[in-house]
Protein backbone atom coordinates (compact mmCIF):
# COMPACT_ATOMS: atom_id res chain seq x y z
CA MET A 1 -52.33 41.76 59.88
CA ALA A 2 -49.72 41.47 57.17
CA ARG A 3 -48.44 38.02 56.18
CA GLY A 4 -44.83 37.71 57.33
CA ARG A 5 -42.05 36.32 55.17
CA PRO A 6 -41.40 32.66 56.00
CA ARG A 7 -38.00 31.98 57.68
CA ALA A 8 -35.17 30.43 55.90
CA GLY A 9 -34.95 27.53 58.14
CA SER A 10 -38.51 26.29 57.43
CA LEU A 11 -37.82 26.26 53.79
CA ASP A 12 -34.72 24.13 54.10
CA ASP A 13 -36.77 21.65 56.29
CA LYS A 14 -39.38 21.39 53.73
CA LYS A 15 -36.97 20.60 50.89
CA LEU A 16 -35.20 18.06 53.04
CA ALA A 17 -38.49 16.29 53.87
CA ASP A 18 -39.37 16.27 50.22
CA ARG A 19 -36.10 14.67 49.29
CA ARG A 20 -36.41 12.04 52.07
CA GLU A 21 -39.86 11.20 50.74
CA GLN A 22 -38.58 10.87 47.18
CA VAL A 23 -35.79 8.58 48.41
CA ARG A 24 -38.31 6.46 50.37
CA LEU A 25 -40.50 6.06 47.24
CA ASN A 26 -37.47 5.20 45.09
CA VAL A 27 -36.35 2.50 47.54
CA ARG A 28 -39.81 1.04 47.62
CA ALA A 29 -40.27 0.94 43.91
CA HIS A 30 -36.85 -0.70 43.64
CA ARG A 31 -37.78 -3.48 46.09
CA GLN A 32 -41.04 -4.08 44.30
CA ARG A 33 -39.17 -4.48 41.04
CA GLN A 34 -36.67 -6.81 42.47
CA LYS A 35 -39.48 -8.94 43.96
CA GLU A 36 -41.37 -9.11 40.70
CA LYS A 37 -38.09 -10.01 38.93
CA LYS A 38 -37.61 -12.89 41.18
CA ARG A 39 -41.18 -14.12 40.87
CA LEU A 40 -40.99 -14.08 37.12
CA GLU A 41 -37.60 -15.81 37.17
CA ALA A 42 -39.04 -18.56 39.21
CA LEU A 43 -41.90 -19.11 36.68
CA ASN A 44 -39.35 -18.80 33.84
CA GLN A 45 -40.90 -15.82 32.34
CA PRO A 46 -39.08 -12.86 30.91
CA TYR A 47 -38.90 -9.68 33.14
CA GLU A 48 -40.01 -6.55 31.32
CA PRO A 49 -40.05 -3.57 33.83
CA LYS A 50 -42.51 -0.93 33.22
CA PHE A 51 -40.69 2.37 33.04
CA ARG A 52 -42.03 5.75 31.79
CA TRP A 53 -40.23 8.77 30.64
CA VAL A 54 -40.61 11.85 32.81
CA GLN A 55 -39.14 15.02 31.60
CA GLU A 56 -37.27 16.96 34.16
CA THR A 57 -38.44 20.54 34.02
CA LYS A 58 -37.35 21.92 37.48
CA TRP A 59 -34.56 23.85 36.00
CA GLN A 60 -36.91 25.64 33.56
CA SER A 61 -39.08 28.65 34.32
CA SER A 62 -42.79 28.47 34.08
CA GLY A 63 -42.84 30.55 30.91
CA THR A 64 -40.23 28.38 29.19
CA LYS A 65 -42.03 25.14 30.10
CA ASP A 66 -45.32 26.47 28.73
CA SER A 67 -43.85 27.80 25.45
CA SER A 68 -41.93 24.52 24.93
CA THR A 69 -45.15 22.52 25.49
CA ARG A 70 -47.13 24.76 23.11
CA VAL A 71 -44.45 24.58 20.42
CA LYS A 72 -44.37 20.78 20.49
CA GLN A 73 -48.11 20.44 20.49
CA ALA A 74 -48.33 22.87 17.59
CA ARG A 75 -45.70 20.86 15.69
CA LEU A 76 -47.60 17.71 16.16
CA ARG A 77 -50.87 19.30 15.01
CA LYS A 78 -49.21 20.98 11.97
CA PRO A 79 -49.24 18.81 8.82
CA ARG A 80 -45.87 18.09 7.22
CA ARG A 81 -45.10 20.25 4.25
CA LYS A 82 -44.07 18.47 1.04
CA PRO A 83 -40.50 19.32 0.30
CA SER A 84 -39.65 21.18 -2.90
CA PRO A 85 -38.09 19.16 -5.75
CA GLY A 86 -34.81 21.04 -5.42
CA SER A 87 -34.37 20.67 -1.69
CA GLU A 88 -33.90 16.91 -1.64
CA CYS A 89 -32.02 14.52 -3.91
CA SER A 90 -33.45 11.08 -4.43
CA LEU A 91 -33.49 8.30 -7.09
CA LEU A 92 -36.71 8.30 -9.11
CA TRP A 93 -36.01 4.74 -10.24
CA GLY A 94 -33.55 2.77 -8.05
CA PRO A 95 -31.33 0.11 -9.59
CA SER A 96 -33.19 -3.11 -10.35
CA PRO A 97 -32.32 -6.25 -8.24
CA GLU A 98 -30.78 -7.74 -11.46
CA LYS A 99 -28.51 -4.75 -11.85
CA GLN A 100 -27.59 -4.77 -8.15
CA TYR A 101 -26.58 -8.45 -8.51
CA THR A 102 -24.54 -7.68 -11.56
CA LEU A 103 -22.74 -4.83 -9.83
CA SER A 104 -22.02 -7.09 -6.88
CA LEU A 105 -20.56 -9.74 -9.27
CA LEU A 106 -18.40 -7.22 -11.02
CA GLY A 107 -17.03 -5.87 -7.80
CA MET A 108 -16.30 -9.46 -6.55
CA PHE A 109 -14.58 -10.18 -9.73
CA ARG A 110 -12.23 -7.19 -9.39
CA THR A 111 -11.30 -7.92 -5.86
CA ARG A 112 -10.95 -11.66 -6.23
CA TYR A 113 -9.10 -11.62 -9.46
CA LEU A 114 -6.44 -9.16 -8.44
CA PRO A 115 -3.93 -9.55 -5.51
CA GLU A 116 -4.38 -7.76 -2.28
CA ARG A 117 -1.73 -5.16 -3.08
CA VAL A 118 -2.11 -3.56 -6.54
CA THR A 119 0.28 -0.91 -8.12
CA LEU A 120 -1.33 0.91 -11.18
CA PRO A 121 0.29 3.53 -13.46
CA GLY A 122 -0.72 7.05 -12.58
CA ALA A 123 0.39 10.47 -11.33
CA GLY A 124 3.39 10.16 -9.34
CA VAL A 125 4.22 6.65 -10.45
CA SER A 126 7.64 6.32 -11.96
CA GLU A 127 8.17 4.60 -15.32
CA GLU A 128 10.80 2.49 -13.61
CA GLN A 129 8.39 1.17 -11.10
CA LEU A 130 6.84 -2.19 -11.48
CA ILE A 131 3.09 -2.31 -11.95
CA THR A 132 0.82 -5.26 -11.19
CA PRO A 133 0.52 -7.54 -14.32
CA CYS A 134 -3.08 -7.78 -15.78
CA ALA A 135 -4.31 -5.23 -13.43
CA ILE A 136 -4.82 -2.55 -16.21
CA TRP A 137 -7.35 -4.58 -18.25
CA VAL A 138 -9.29 -5.61 -15.09
CA VAL A 139 -9.67 -1.98 -13.97
CA GLU A 140 -10.38 -0.66 -17.47
CA ALA A 141 -12.97 -3.38 -18.07
CA TYR A 142 -14.62 -2.63 -14.70
CA GLN A 143 -14.94 1.05 -15.62
CA MET A 144 -16.30 0.12 -18.99
CA ALA A 145 -18.98 -2.04 -17.44
CA VAL A 146 -19.89 -0.06 -14.46
CA VAL A 147 -19.58 3.58 -15.64
CA ARG A 148 -20.12 3.28 -19.41
CA GLU A 149 -22.39 0.25 -19.04
CA ASN A 150 -21.17 -1.44 -22.20
CA PRO A 151 -23.33 -4.61 -22.62
CA VAL A 152 -20.50 -6.81 -24.14
CA VAL A 153 -17.96 -6.12 -21.52
CA THR A 154 -20.60 -6.33 -18.79
CA GLY A 155 -21.73 -9.74 -19.93
CA MET A 156 -18.11 -11.12 -20.04
CA LEU A 157 -17.29 -9.77 -16.59
CA ARG A 158 -20.63 -11.16 -15.21
CA ALA A 159 -19.71 -14.59 -16.63
CA LEU A 160 -16.35 -14.34 -14.90
CA GLY A 161 -17.81 -13.29 -11.64
CA LEU A 162 -20.29 -16.23 -11.81
CA SER A 163 -17.39 -18.57 -12.67
CA ILE A 164 -15.46 -17.38 -9.59
CA LEU A 165 -18.46 -17.74 -7.41
CA ALA A 166 -19.18 -21.25 -8.67
CA THR A 167 -15.53 -22.32 -8.05
CA GLU A 168 -15.52 -20.95 -4.43
CA LEU A 169 -18.99 -22.47 -3.57
CA ARG A 170 -18.48 -25.68 -5.59
CA ARG A 171 -21.82 -25.12 -7.35
CA GLU A 172 -22.32 -26.76 -10.67
CA ASP A 173 -25.61 -24.82 -11.25
CA ILE A 174 -23.92 -21.50 -11.01
CA ARG A 175 -21.14 -22.76 -13.29
CA ALA A 176 -23.80 -23.64 -15.78
CA VAL A 177 -25.18 -20.18 -15.57
CA SER A 178 -21.83 -18.65 -16.11
CA LEU A 179 -21.37 -20.82 -19.23
CA ASN A 180 -24.77 -19.80 -20.48
CA THR A 181 -23.98 -16.02 -19.94
CA TYR A 182 -20.59 -16.49 -21.66
CA HIS A 183 -22.13 -18.18 -24.81
CA LYS A 184 -24.80 -15.41 -24.92
CA THR A 185 -22.23 -12.73 -24.94
CA LEU A 186 -19.71 -14.49 -27.28
CA PRO A 187 -21.82 -13.88 -30.55
CA PHE A 188 -21.62 -10.06 -30.03
CA ILE A 189 -17.83 -10.30 -30.11
CA CYS A 190 -17.91 -12.53 -33.16
CA ARG A 191 -20.21 -10.19 -34.94
CA GLN A 192 -17.70 -7.23 -34.37
CA LEU A 193 -14.85 -9.40 -35.43
CA THR A 194 -16.65 -10.33 -38.55
CA SER A 195 -17.27 -6.59 -39.24
CA ILE A 196 -13.63 -5.84 -38.93
CA THR A 197 -12.40 -8.72 -41.16
CA SER A 198 -14.84 -7.73 -43.87
CA GLY A 199 -13.38 -4.31 -44.20
CA GLY A 200 -15.56 -2.38 -41.70
CA SER A 201 -14.28 -0.04 -38.99
CA LEU A 202 -15.23 0.69 -35.39
CA ASP A 203 -15.19 3.66 -33.23
CA PRO A 204 -12.31 3.91 -30.69
CA ASP A 205 -14.58 3.24 -27.69
CA ASP A 206 -15.93 0.17 -29.72
CA TYR A 207 -12.43 -1.04 -30.31
CA LEU A 208 -11.59 -0.62 -26.60
CA ALA A 209 -14.72 -2.58 -25.70
CA LEU A 210 -13.80 -5.35 -28.08
CA ILE A 211 -10.25 -5.63 -26.79
CA LEU A 212 -11.41 -5.69 -23.15
CA SER A 213 -14.11 -8.27 -23.84
CA GLY A 214 -11.56 -10.38 -25.78
CA HIS A 215 -9.26 -10.30 -22.70
CA ALA A 216 -12.11 -11.38 -20.56
CA ALA A 217 -13.09 -14.08 -22.89
CA ALA A 218 -9.59 -15.51 -22.87
CA ILE A 219 -9.41 -15.32 -19.00
CA PHE A 220 -12.74 -17.09 -18.87
CA GLU A 221 -11.37 -19.91 -20.94
CA VAL A 222 -8.39 -20.20 -18.61
CA ASN A 223 -10.58 -20.40 -15.44
CA VAL A 224 -13.34 -22.61 -16.88
CA SER A 225 -12.35 -24.66 -19.69
CA GLY A 226 -8.60 -24.81 -19.23
CA CYS A 227 -8.06 -25.76 -22.93
CA MET A 228 -4.87 -23.88 -23.66
CA SER A 229 -4.94 -24.35 -27.41
CA ARG A 230 -8.32 -22.74 -27.71
CA ILE A 231 -7.05 -20.00 -25.44
CA PHE A 232 -4.13 -19.40 -27.80
CA ASP A 233 -6.51 -18.94 -30.72
CA GLN A 234 -8.40 -16.35 -28.82
CA VAL A 235 -5.26 -14.55 -27.81
CA ARG A 236 -4.10 -14.43 -31.42
CA GLY A 237 -7.48 -13.16 -32.45
CA LEU A 238 -7.13 -10.44 -29.93
CA GLY A 239 -3.67 -9.47 -31.44
CA SER A 240 -5.35 -9.18 -34.80
CA VAL A 241 -7.65 -6.54 -33.38
CA TYR A 242 -4.67 -4.59 -32.26
CA VAL A 243 -3.07 -4.89 -35.68
CA HIS A 244 -6.37 -3.90 -37.39
CA GLN A 245 -6.70 -0.79 -35.24
CA LEU A 246 -3.11 0.16 -36.02
CA LEU A 247 -3.55 -0.24 -39.72
CA GLN A 248 -6.87 1.72 -39.74
CA SER A 249 -5.72 4.66 -37.64
CA GLY A 250 -2.02 4.53 -38.31
CA SER A 251 -1.05 4.81 -34.64
CA MET A 252 -1.94 3.36 -31.29
CA PRO A 253 -3.75 5.50 -28.74
CA LYS A 254 -1.46 6.57 -25.91
CA ASP A 255 -3.90 5.33 -23.32
CA TRP A 256 -3.70 1.86 -24.74
CA ARG A 257 0.11 1.69 -23.97
CA TYR A 258 -0.22 -0.58 -20.85
CA LEU A 259 -3.02 -2.68 -22.37
CA MET A 260 -0.66 -3.38 -25.19
CA GLU A 261 2.10 -4.27 -22.92
CA GLU A 262 -0.12 -6.65 -21.07
CA TYR A 263 -1.30 -8.17 -24.33
CA ARG A 264 2.44 -8.76 -25.34
CA LEU A 265 3.01 -10.43 -22.05
CA PHE A 266 -0.05 -12.62 -22.34
CA GLU A 267 0.90 -13.61 -26.00
CA ILE A 268 4.64 -14.41 -25.31
CA ILE A 269 3.67 -17.13 -22.88
CA PHE A 270 1.76 -19.04 -25.57
CA CYS A 271 4.33 -18.26 -28.14
CA LEU A 272 7.14 -19.78 -26.08
CA ILE A 273 5.09 -22.81 -25.00
CA TYR A 274 3.86 -23.59 -28.48
CA ARG A 275 6.96 -22.39 -30.35
CA ARG A 276 4.85 -19.99 -32.55
CA PRO A 277 5.60 -16.58 -33.92
CA SER A 278 3.80 -13.50 -32.74
CA VAL A 279 0.73 -12.06 -34.57
CA LEU A 280 2.38 -8.61 -34.14
CA THR A 281 5.47 -9.68 -36.03
CA GLY A 282 6.25 -7.34 -38.97
CA THR A 283 4.15 -4.51 -37.50
CA GLY A 284 4.98 -1.37 -35.57
CA LEU A 285 3.61 -3.02 -32.51
CA CYS A 286 6.52 -5.34 -32.41
CA ARG A 287 9.16 -2.68 -32.17
CA SER A 288 10.75 -1.35 -29.13
CA ALA A 289 12.53 1.85 -28.32
CA ARG A 290 15.80 0.01 -27.72
CA GLN A 291 16.98 -2.29 -30.54
CA ARG A 292 19.71 -4.80 -30.69
CA ASN A 293 22.28 -2.57 -32.36
CA ASP A 294 21.95 0.03 -29.49
CA VAL A 295 25.45 0.46 -28.27
CA SER A 296 24.49 1.78 -24.82
CA HIS A 297 22.22 -1.11 -24.14
CA ARG A 298 20.61 0.95 -21.58
CA ARG A 299 16.84 1.80 -20.89
CA ASN A 300 15.94 5.35 -21.79
CA ALA A 301 13.86 6.25 -18.70
CA SER A 302 12.55 9.51 -20.33
CA ASP A 303 11.08 7.58 -23.14
CA PRO A 304 7.43 6.76 -22.25
CA GLY A 305 7.49 3.60 -24.24
CA ASN A 306 9.80 1.77 -21.92
CA SER A 307 8.99 0.11 -18.66
CA GLN A 308 10.67 -2.88 -16.81
CA PHE A 309 8.06 -5.39 -17.93
CA GLY A 310 8.03 -4.11 -21.37
CA GLU A 311 11.89 -4.37 -21.48
CA LEU A 312 11.52 -7.88 -20.26
CA VAL A 313 8.98 -8.85 -22.93
CA PHE A 314 10.97 -7.16 -25.63
CA LEU A 315 13.91 -9.44 -24.78
CA ALA A 316 11.71 -12.59 -24.74
CA ARG A 317 10.25 -11.81 -28.26
CA HIS A 318 13.52 -12.67 -29.83
CA ILE A 319 13.16 -16.23 -28.71
CA PRO A 320 10.17 -17.63 -30.75
CA PRO A 321 11.85 -16.83 -34.05
CA ILE A 322 15.00 -18.68 -32.89
CA MET A 323 12.85 -21.59 -31.87
CA ASN A 324 11.34 -21.62 -35.45
CA HIS A 325 14.64 -21.60 -36.95
CA ILE A 326 15.85 -24.47 -34.71
CA ASP A 327 12.67 -26.47 -35.66
CA GLU A 328 13.24 -25.89 -39.43
CA SER A 329 16.98 -26.87 -39.12
CA MET A 330 16.00 -30.23 -37.69
CA VAL A 331 13.60 -31.10 -40.50
CA GLY A 332 16.01 -32.63 -43.08
CA ASP A 333 18.77 -32.08 -45.49
CA ALA A 334 16.69 -29.76 -47.74
CA LEU A 335 17.18 -27.02 -45.18
CA ARG A 336 20.66 -27.73 -44.07
CA ASN A 337 22.25 -25.01 -46.33
CA ARG A 338 19.96 -22.23 -45.29
CA ALA A 339 20.32 -23.35 -41.61
CA ALA A 340 24.13 -23.27 -41.93
CA GLU A 341 23.96 -19.71 -43.23
CA GLN A 342 21.68 -18.49 -40.39
CA LEU A 343 23.26 -20.36 -37.49
CA HIS A 344 25.71 -17.70 -36.75
CA ALA A 345 23.25 -14.98 -36.62
CA THR A 346 20.94 -17.07 -34.41
CA MET A 347 23.91 -17.70 -32.06
CA GLU A 348 24.55 -13.90 -31.98
CA THR A 349 20.86 -13.25 -31.25
CA VAL A 350 20.43 -15.80 -28.46
CA SER A 351 23.74 -14.52 -26.79
CA PHE A 352 22.45 -11.03 -26.97
CA VAL A 353 19.08 -12.02 -25.19
CA LEU A 354 20.99 -14.00 -22.42
CA GLU A 355 23.47 -11.11 -21.82
CA GLU A 356 20.60 -8.54 -21.67
CA LEU A 357 18.62 -10.79 -19.37
CA ARG A 358 21.44 -10.94 -16.95
CA LYS A 359 21.75 -7.17 -17.11
CA TRP A 360 18.05 -6.84 -16.59
CA CYS A 361 18.16 -9.07 -13.42
CA THR A 362 21.23 -7.04 -11.92
CA GLU A 363 19.29 -3.81 -12.17
CA PHE A 364 16.10 -5.50 -10.83
CA LEU A 365 17.76 -6.92 -7.78
CA ALA A 366 19.59 -3.68 -7.15
CA ARG A 367 16.22 -1.60 -7.16
CA ASP A 368 12.84 -3.22 -6.87
CA GLY A 369 14.08 -6.64 -5.82
CA ARG A 370 16.50 -5.46 -3.17
CA ALA A 371 14.34 -6.67 -0.34
CA PHE A 372 14.00 -10.03 -1.95
CA ALA A 373 17.70 -10.25 -2.66
CA GLU A 374 18.38 -9.54 0.99
CA SER A 375 15.92 -12.23 2.29
CA GLU A 376 17.15 -15.29 4.16
CA ALA A 377 15.87 -17.81 1.59
CA TYR A 378 17.75 -16.03 -1.24
CA VAL A 379 20.94 -15.61 0.61
CA CYS A 380 21.05 -19.11 2.17
CA GLY A 381 19.88 -20.80 -1.08
CA CYS A 382 17.38 -23.06 0.57
CA GLY A 383 13.51 -23.15 1.15
CA ASP A 384 10.70 -21.68 -0.88
CA PHE A 385 10.96 -17.89 -1.69
CA ASP A 386 8.75 -15.32 -0.05
CA PHE A 387 8.42 -12.05 -1.89
CA PRO A 388 7.50 -8.61 -0.58
CA ASP A 389 4.59 -8.13 -3.11
CA PHE A 390 3.18 -9.74 -6.21
CA GLN A 391 4.96 -7.24 -8.66
CA VAL A 392 8.47 -8.46 -7.47
CA ALA A 393 7.38 -12.05 -7.63
CA SER A 394 5.90 -12.03 -11.12
CA ALA A 395 8.93 -10.04 -12.48
CA TRP A 396 11.35 -12.65 -10.95
CA ILE A 397 9.26 -15.68 -12.15
CA PHE A 398 8.94 -14.34 -15.62
CA TRP A 399 12.61 -13.40 -15.83
CA LEU A 400 13.56 -17.09 -14.75
CA SER A 401 11.13 -18.53 -17.36
CA PHE A 402 12.35 -16.36 -20.24
CA LYS A 403 16.03 -17.07 -19.25
CA ILE A 404 15.24 -20.80 -19.29
CA HIS A 405 13.80 -20.60 -22.73
CA ALA A 406 16.82 -18.66 -23.97
CA LEU A 407 19.28 -21.16 -22.56
CA GLU A 408 17.21 -24.06 -24.07
CA SER A 409 17.44 -22.24 -27.40
CA TYR A 410 21.17 -21.77 -26.90
CA LEU A 411 21.73 -25.32 -26.11
CA SER A 412 19.55 -26.55 -29.06
CA VAL A 413 21.74 -24.46 -31.40
CA VAL A 414 24.92 -25.99 -30.10
CA ASP A 415 23.35 -29.45 -30.39
CA ILE A 416 22.58 -28.62 -34.18
CA ILE A 417 26.20 -27.51 -34.56
CA GLN A 418 27.65 -30.71 -32.94
CA SER A 419 25.43 -33.02 -34.85
CA SER A 420 25.94 -31.34 -38.13
CA ARG A 421 28.86 -32.09 -40.57
CA GLN A 422 29.11 -28.43 -41.59
CA ASN A 423 31.24 -27.18 -38.73
CA HIS A 424 34.06 -26.18 -40.98
CA GLU A 425 31.58 -24.35 -43.28
CA ILE A 426 30.08 -22.39 -40.47
CA SER A 427 33.55 -21.57 -38.97
CA ASP A 428 34.37 -20.17 -42.42
CA LEU A 429 31.26 -18.05 -42.28
CA CYS A 430 32.21 -16.76 -38.81
CA GLY A 431 35.82 -15.95 -39.96
CA HIS A 432 34.72 -13.67 -42.69
CA ARG A 433 32.85 -11.40 -40.21
CA SER A 434 34.42 -8.73 -38.25
CA ASN A 435 36.23 -9.19 -34.97
CA THR A 436 33.47 -7.44 -32.94
CA SER A 437 30.62 -9.79 -34.24
CA SER A 438 32.39 -13.02 -35.12
CA THR A 439 32.69 -15.80 -32.59
CA ARG A 440 34.08 -19.16 -33.34
CA VAL A 441 31.69 -22.12 -33.16
CA SER A 442 34.14 -23.85 -30.87
CA GLN A 443 33.70 -21.05 -28.31
CA PHE A 444 29.97 -21.75 -28.14
CA CYS A 445 30.56 -25.43 -27.81
CA LYS A 446 32.92 -24.86 -25.00
CA GLY A 447 30.27 -22.90 -23.26
CA MET A 448 27.74 -25.71 -23.45
CA LEU A 449 28.56 -27.25 -19.97
CA GLY A 450 28.25 -23.77 -18.46
CA ALA A 451 25.00 -23.17 -20.06
CA ARG A 452 23.61 -26.41 -18.81
CA SER A 453 24.79 -25.64 -15.29
CA GLU A 454 23.12 -22.20 -15.52
CA LEU A 455 20.01 -23.86 -16.85
CA LEU A 456 19.72 -26.24 -13.87
CA GLU A 457 20.38 -23.44 -11.47
CA ALA A 458 17.62 -21.31 -13.06
CA VAL A 459 15.19 -24.17 -12.99
CA GLN A 460 15.87 -24.70 -9.22
CA LEU A 461 15.27 -21.12 -8.54
CA LEU A 462 12.02 -21.22 -10.48
CA ILE A 463 10.79 -24.37 -8.67
CA ARG A 464 11.35 -22.53 -5.32
CA SER A 465 9.41 -19.57 -6.50
CA LEU A 466 6.30 -21.36 -7.69
CA PRO A 467 4.59 -21.99 -4.29
CA TYR A 468 4.10 -18.10 -3.91
CA LEU A 469 1.77 -18.21 -6.94
CA LEU A 470 -0.60 -20.61 -5.14
CA GLN A 471 -1.19 -18.34 -2.04
CA ALA A 472 -4.55 -16.90 -1.31
CA ASN A 473 -3.39 -13.22 -1.39
CA VAL A 474 -2.13 -13.31 -5.04
CA GLY A 475 -5.74 -13.53 -6.38
CA TYR A 476 -6.89 -15.53 -9.46
CA VAL A 477 -4.30 -13.72 -11.53
CA GLY A 478 -1.39 -15.16 -9.54
CA ARG A 479 -2.79 -18.67 -9.71
CA SER A 480 -3.43 -18.43 -13.45
CA PHE A 481 0.24 -17.52 -13.94
CA VAL A 482 1.53 -20.79 -12.46
CA ALA A 483 0.91 -22.82 -15.61
CA PHE A 484 3.63 -21.07 -17.67
CA PRO A 485 6.65 -21.39 -15.34
CA LEU A 486 5.59 -24.88 -14.36
CA GLU A 487 5.51 -25.96 -17.97
CA THR A 488 8.87 -24.24 -18.54
CA ALA A 489 10.45 -26.08 -15.64
CA ARG A 490 8.90 -29.42 -16.89
CA VAL A 491 10.22 -29.27 -20.42
CA ALA A 492 13.63 -28.03 -19.36
CA LEU A 493 14.10 -30.73 -16.97
CA LEU A 494 12.95 -33.47 -19.50
CA HIS A 495 15.38 -32.01 -22.14
CA GLU A 496 18.17 -32.02 -19.62
CA LEU A 497 17.41 -35.62 -18.69
CA GLN A 498 17.80 -36.52 -22.31
CA ARG A 499 21.04 -34.79 -22.65
CA GLU A 500 22.34 -36.45 -19.45
CA SER A 501 21.35 -39.88 -20.57
CA SER A 502 22.14 -39.40 -24.24
CA VAL A 503 19.00 -41.58 -24.97
CA PRO A 504 16.32 -40.05 -26.89
CA SER A 505 12.93 -40.40 -25.33
CA PRO A 506 9.45 -38.79 -25.76
CA ALA A 507 8.80 -35.58 -23.91
CA ASP A 508 6.24 -37.09 -21.57
CA VAL A 509 7.64 -40.60 -20.96
CA LEU A 510 10.52 -41.49 -18.58
CA SER A 511 13.01 -44.03 -20.05
CA PRO A 512 13.50 -46.94 -17.69
CA SER A 513 17.09 -47.47 -18.92
CA ILE A 514 18.27 -44.14 -17.39
CA SER A 515 20.76 -44.68 -14.56
CA ALA A 516 20.17 -42.53 -11.62
CA GLY A 517 23.55 -40.87 -11.20
CA GLU A 518 24.12 -37.65 -9.14
CA PRO A 519 23.10 -35.26 -11.98
CA THR A 520 20.17 -37.44 -12.93
CA GLN A 521 19.06 -37.69 -9.37
CA GLY A 522 18.87 -33.87 -9.02
CA ILE A 523 16.78 -33.70 -12.22
CA LEU A 524 14.36 -36.40 -10.96
CA GLN A 525 14.15 -34.46 -7.64
CA GLY A 526 13.23 -31.38 -9.59
CA LEU A 527 10.53 -33.28 -11.39
CA ALA A 528 9.13 -34.62 -8.29
CA SER A 529 8.99 -31.00 -6.80
CA CYS A 530 7.09 -29.91 -9.92
CA ALA A 531 4.76 -32.89 -9.50
CA ARG A 532 3.81 -31.74 -6.00
CA THR A 533 3.32 -28.17 -7.29
CA MET A 534 1.07 -29.56 -10.07
CA GLU A 535 -1.08 -31.35 -7.53
CA ASN A 536 -1.61 -28.23 -5.51
CA ALA A 537 -2.40 -26.26 -8.66
CA LYS A 538 -4.91 -28.89 -9.79
CA ALA A 539 -6.49 -28.90 -6.34
CA MET A 540 -6.97 -25.07 -6.68
CA LYS A 541 -8.61 -25.48 -10.13
CA CYS A 542 -5.56 -23.98 -11.97
CA ALA A 543 -5.44 -24.42 -15.71
CA LEU A 544 -2.23 -26.25 -16.80
CA PHE A 545 -0.48 -26.92 -19.94
CA SER A 546 0.19 -30.51 -19.00
CA ASP A 547 -0.55 -32.98 -16.21
CA GLN A 548 1.69 -35.80 -17.09
CA TRP A 549 3.66 -36.13 -13.87
CA THR A 550 2.71 -39.33 -12.27
CA SER A 551 5.70 -41.26 -13.62
CA TYR A 552 8.12 -38.72 -12.00
CA SER A 553 6.62 -38.29 -8.50
CA THR A 554 7.64 -41.73 -7.59
CA GLY A 555 10.96 -41.79 -9.34
CA VAL A 556 12.94 -40.36 -6.40
């Protein structure tokens, strides 16, 4: 008898029974696991359930399941084929632990030294846009050390990275290692400098490496030793390298333009503080696209040799020669005649610098510094300033510092005129000049009170700007900038204190005979604010030009 086909109802009942049996087994297994878990928890033992992976193959056909199993088994039995050399990319020799540590130090130096937001010149960046000061040499030195693997630059940046790490961790052993690395690398720089001074020449890449390592050596001295006079010697030596390269090749490479601009900014700080001329004086590196006799007095934006910081430094470079002339005029009667002949030209120069600095500030506040000029602290005239970025802050602070030095020079020239008995002689010299260039000495003297008022106002603005340089987001470059404006404010307030009291006193000692009138009280308050800033800077291991502030912090 033929076997009949089973009915559909019987198949459904069988599937239902199988499903119920599976559910029953799952429930029983779950209860057993829970019971075992409670037992182990009571014994304070970890519970590790024993699961096994079961591949679900109900949805596959028999042929597919068999073929899949055969393929997997064959793959396990088959030995792995050795890949061909061209199919995979791998390093035959990986970087050594020493090199990995050096690369990490270089990366840490670049990120810690620069502020959080950096603007670099490049494609799409306008010549009128502010760039981050000191960022060019950091980026160039990092590329020279990491990509080109120059040993001298690598050694200097490694020493800088170790010094930063030692400062943050307060580890004297790491600081000793950084000093050892610095002193091991320094002879290579000295050897190249000796080769240059003895009449030798270097390749352009070697010149660039020497300049970058010289920058790094000066910054290392700023961060570690803090001896400003020694740093100034290194800065002047770096300037001699620029001059030697110019004399050898006849022109400066175009890609060195921003490096040259950063050096001018670096050097002018020490020239103004120590009242010394620039190493670049008398060379083509000291010229600018816009000279004093330029009638338009406007920056040529199409000229690639101009930028906002370059324009500002160009104006400040007129001040050290004025300082030298003032110092020579105060030596004695032997130089009186020569000083009298040059006083009028000196007055014209310092007046030109002040006028151009005012124009520069007007353009700056209307363009890059507009957000800062519209801030509440600037409009209300109270409280510390907060800047939108480091570029605006550094431009504003350097402008105030340069303006204070120019006003100090102006007042010093007026003091010489007032203390000299050659007023009539100088007036005669002025009278023989044309109407466009001659100005009576009496007119300069009448503006002395206005210049003193403008000086105190600039100092107050500078003091309100200094706390920004001690913030964490400005990097080591911002904290290293605080020394120059702080010293500028200190000297200006002390000189104004002497003018107010009419009692000559040393630059670092407060005379006890000074009466604390209203103007004097404001000066003492400014000195006390500078003292607080100095204490914060010293707590952050910032290099300073002077730390003689204790006698002023308690004077108010």
